[in-house]
């Protein structure tokens, strides 16, 4: 796993633990494919090439795209 994928997965888990989303009640083995799906969506999004830091770009994606 490369650092960028690790960072995304950690921020994703932190986000869903602290915000009301449809992912909050999923077990770890079920959340993993969702993390991969969202990581790919993030990399194809306008947030990925944002002018902010990678951390801030991921946070922007999570706040705007993960419900």
N, C-alpha and C. Protein backbone atom coordinates (compact mmCIF):
# COMPACT_ATOMS: atom_id res chain seq x y z
N UNK A 1 0.85 -1.17 0.00
CA UNK A 1 0.00 0.00 0.00
C UNK A 1 0.90 1.24 0.00
N UNK A 2 0.56 2.17 -0.85
CA UNK A 2 1.33 3.41 -0.88
C UNK A 2 0.71 4.42 0.09
N UNK A 3 1.50 5.41 0.45
CA UNK A 3 1.10 6.37 1.46
C UNK A 3 -0.23 7.05 1.12
N UNK A 4 -0.42 7.43 -0.13
CA UNK A 4 -1.63 8.15 -0.52
C UNK A 4 -2.89 7.31 -0.28
N UNK A 5 -2.81 6.02 -0.56
CA UNK A 5 -3.94 5.13 -0.31
C UNK A 5 -4.16 4.94 1.18
N UNK A 6 -3.08 4.83 1.93
CA UNK A 6 -3.18 4.72 3.38
C UNK A 6 -3.84 5.97 3.96
N UNK A 7 -3.39 7.14 3.53
CA UNK A 7 -3.95 8.40 4.02
C UNK A 7 -5.44 8.47 3.71
N UNK A 8 -5.82 8.12 2.48
CA UNK A 8 -7.24 8.15 2.13
C UNK A 8 -8.03 7.22 3.02
N UNK A 9 -7.55 6.00 3.23
CA UNK A 9 -8.30 5.03 4.04
C UNK A 9 -8.45 5.50 5.48
N UNK A 10 -7.40 6.08 6.03
CA UNK A 10 -7.49 6.57 7.41
C UNK A 10 -8.44 7.74 7.54
N UNK A 11 -8.36 8.66 6.60
CA UNK A 11 -9.26 9.82 6.64
C UNK A 11 -10.70 9.40 6.38
N UNK A 12 -10.91 8.43 5.51
CA UNK A 12 -12.25 7.91 5.24
C UNK A 12 -12.84 7.32 6.51
N UNK A 13 -12.08 6.46 7.18
CA UNK A 13 -12.57 5.84 8.41
C UNK A 13 -12.85 6.88 9.48
N UNK A 14 -11.97 7.83 9.63
CA UNK A 14 -12.19 8.89 10.60
C UNK A 14 -13.45 9.68 10.27
N UNK A 15 -13.63 9.97 8.99
CA UNK A 15 -14.80 10.74 8.57
C UNK A 15 -16.09 9.99 8.87
N UNK A 16 -16.17 8.72 8.54
CA UNK A 16 -17.42 8.00 8.74
C UNK A 16 -17.68 7.70 10.22
N UNK A 17 -16.63 7.66 11.02
CA UNK A 17 -16.83 7.47 12.46
C UNK A 17 -17.35 8.73 13.14
N UNK A 18 -17.08 9.89 12.54
CA UNK A 18 -17.43 11.15 13.17
C UNK A 18 -18.54 11.93 12.47
N UNK A 19 -19.09 11.36 11.42
CA UNK A 19 -20.16 12.01 10.67
C UNK A 19 -21.25 10.99 10.35
N UNK A 20 -22.46 11.47 10.28
CA UNK A 20 -23.57 10.57 9.98
C UNK A 20 -23.54 10.24 8.49
N UNK A 21 -23.22 8.98 8.18
CA UNK A 21 -23.19 8.49 6.81
C UNK A 21 -23.83 7.12 6.75
N UNK A 22 -24.08 6.65 5.56
CA UNK A 22 -24.65 5.32 5.40
C UNK A 22 -23.63 4.23 5.74
N UNK A 23 -22.38 4.59 5.91
CA UNK A 23 -21.32 3.63 6.17
C UNK A 23 -21.07 3.36 7.65
N UNK A 24 -21.65 4.14 8.52
CA UNK A 24 -21.34 4.03 9.94
C UNK A 24 -21.57 2.65 10.53
N UNK A 25 -22.58 1.96 10.08
CA UNK A 25 -22.92 0.68 10.69
C UNK A 25 -22.31 -0.53 9.97
N UNK A 26 -21.55 -0.30 8.91
CA UNK A 26 -20.95 -1.42 8.18
C UNK A 26 -19.79 -2.03 8.97
N UNK A 27 -19.66 -3.34 8.88
CA UNK A 27 -18.53 -4.03 9.50
C UNK A 27 -17.28 -3.78 8.66
N UNK A 28 -16.12 -4.00 9.27
CA UNK A 28 -14.85 -3.72 8.59
C UNK A 28 -14.69 -4.48 7.27
N UNK A 29 -15.12 -5.74 7.23
CA UNK A 29 -14.96 -6.49 5.98
C UNK A 29 -15.88 -5.97 4.89
N UNK A 30 -16.95 -5.28 5.25
CA UNK A 30 -17.85 -4.70 4.26
C UNK A 30 -17.46 -3.28 3.86
N UNK A 31 -16.74 -2.59 4.72
CA UNK A 31 -16.35 -1.21 4.43
C UNK A 31 -15.15 -1.16 3.48
N UNK A 32 -14.33 -2.20 3.47
CA UNK A 32 -13.13 -2.18 2.64
C UNK A 32 -13.42 -1.94 1.16
N UNK A 33 -14.38 -2.65 0.54
CA UNK A 33 -14.67 -2.36 -0.88
C UNK A 33 -15.19 -0.94 -1.09
N UNK A 34 -15.87 -0.39 -0.09
CA UNK A 34 -16.35 0.99 -0.21
C UNK A 34 -15.20 1.98 -0.18
N UNK A 35 -14.21 1.71 0.64
CA UNK A 35 -13.02 2.56 0.68
C UNK A 35 -12.33 2.54 -0.68
N UNK A 36 -12.16 1.34 -1.24
CA UNK A 36 -11.52 1.23 -2.56
C UNK A 36 -12.30 1.97 -3.62
N UNK A 37 -13.62 1.83 -3.60
CA UNK A 37 -14.48 2.51 -4.57
C UNK A 37 -14.34 4.02 -4.46
N UNK A 38 -14.38 4.53 -3.24
CA UNK A 38 -14.27 5.97 -3.05
C UNK A 38 -12.86 6.49 -3.34
N UNK A 39 -11.86 5.68 -3.07
CA UNK A 39 -10.50 6.10 -3.39
C UNK A 39 -10.34 6.28 -4.90
N UNK A 40 -10.88 5.35 -5.66
CA UNK A 40 -10.83 5.47 -7.12
C UNK A 40 -11.64 6.68 -7.60
N UNK A 41 -12.81 6.88 -7.01
CA UNK A 41 -13.64 8.04 -7.37
C UNK A 41 -12.91 9.34 -7.03
N UNK A 42 -12.25 9.36 -5.89
CA UNK A 42 -11.48 10.55 -5.51
C UNK A 42 -10.39 10.84 -6.54
N UNK A 43 -9.67 9.80 -6.95
CA UNK A 43 -8.57 9.99 -7.91
C UNK A 43 -9.06 10.46 -9.28
N UNK A 44 -10.33 10.20 -9.58
CA UNK A 44 -10.91 10.64 -10.86
C UNK A 44 -11.67 11.95 -10.72
N UNK A 45 -11.65 12.54 -9.55
CA UNK A 45 -12.45 13.74 -9.29
C UNK A 45 -11.63 15.01 -9.41
N UNK A 46 -12.34 16.13 -9.38
CA UNK A 46 -11.68 17.44 -9.40
C UNK A 46 -10.92 17.70 -8.10
N UNK A 47 -11.29 17.01 -7.03
CA UNK A 47 -10.61 17.20 -5.75
C UNK A 47 -9.18 16.69 -5.79
N UNK A 48 -8.94 15.64 -6.57
CA UNK A 48 -7.61 15.02 -6.63
C UNK A 48 -6.55 16.00 -7.11
N UNK A 49 -6.89 16.84 -8.02
CA UNK A 49 -5.93 17.80 -8.58
C UNK A 49 -6.12 19.19 -8.00
N UNK A 50 -6.74 19.26 -6.84
CA UNK A 50 -6.99 20.55 -6.21
C UNK A 50 -5.70 21.28 -5.87
N UNK A 51 -5.84 22.52 -5.57
CA UNK A 51 -4.69 23.37 -5.29
C UNK A 51 -4.28 23.34 -3.82
N UNK A 52 -4.97 22.54 -3.03
CA UNK A 52 -4.66 22.43 -1.61
C UNK A 52 -3.72 21.25 -1.37
N UNK A 53 -3.41 21.01 -0.13
CA UNK A 53 -2.60 19.84 0.21
C UNK A 53 -3.39 18.57 -0.06
N UNK A 54 -2.72 17.45 -0.16
CA UNK A 54 -3.41 16.18 -0.40
C UNK A 54 -4.41 15.90 0.72
N UNK A 55 -4.00 16.15 1.94
CA UNK A 55 -4.89 15.97 3.09
C UNK A 55 -6.17 16.79 2.90
N UNK A 56 -6.02 18.06 2.60
CA UNK A 56 -7.18 18.94 2.43
C UNK A 56 -8.03 18.55 1.22
N UNK A 57 -7.40 18.10 0.15
CA UNK A 57 -8.16 17.63 -1.02
C UNK A 57 -9.02 16.43 -0.66
N UNK A 58 -8.47 15.50 0.10
CA UNK A 58 -9.23 14.32 0.51
C UNK A 58 -10.38 14.74 1.43
N UNK A 59 -10.10 15.62 2.38
CA UNK A 59 -11.15 16.10 3.29
C UNK A 59 -12.27 16.76 2.50
N UNK A 60 -11.92 17.58 1.51
CA UNK A 60 -12.94 18.22 0.67
C UNK A 60 -13.78 17.16 -0.05
N UNK A 61 -13.14 16.14 -0.59
CA UNK A 61 -13.88 15.05 -1.26
C UNK A 61 -14.83 14.39 -0.28
N UNK A 62 -14.34 14.03 0.89
CA UNK A 62 -15.19 13.33 1.86
C UNK A 62 -16.39 14.17 2.27
N UNK A 63 -16.16 15.45 2.56
CA UNK A 63 -17.26 16.31 2.98
C UNK A 63 -18.30 16.53 1.88
N UNK A 64 -17.87 16.50 0.64
CA UNK A 64 -18.79 16.79 -0.45
C UNK A 64 -19.38 15.56 -1.14
N UNK A 65 -18.71 14.42 -1.03
CA UNK A 65 -19.13 13.25 -1.80
C UNK A 65 -19.58 12.04 -0.98
N UNK A 66 -19.21 11.97 0.27
CA UNK A 66 -19.57 10.81 1.09
C UNK A 66 -20.76 11.20 1.97
N UNK A 67 -21.87 10.55 1.72
CA UNK A 67 -23.11 10.87 2.45
C UNK A 67 -23.52 9.74 3.35
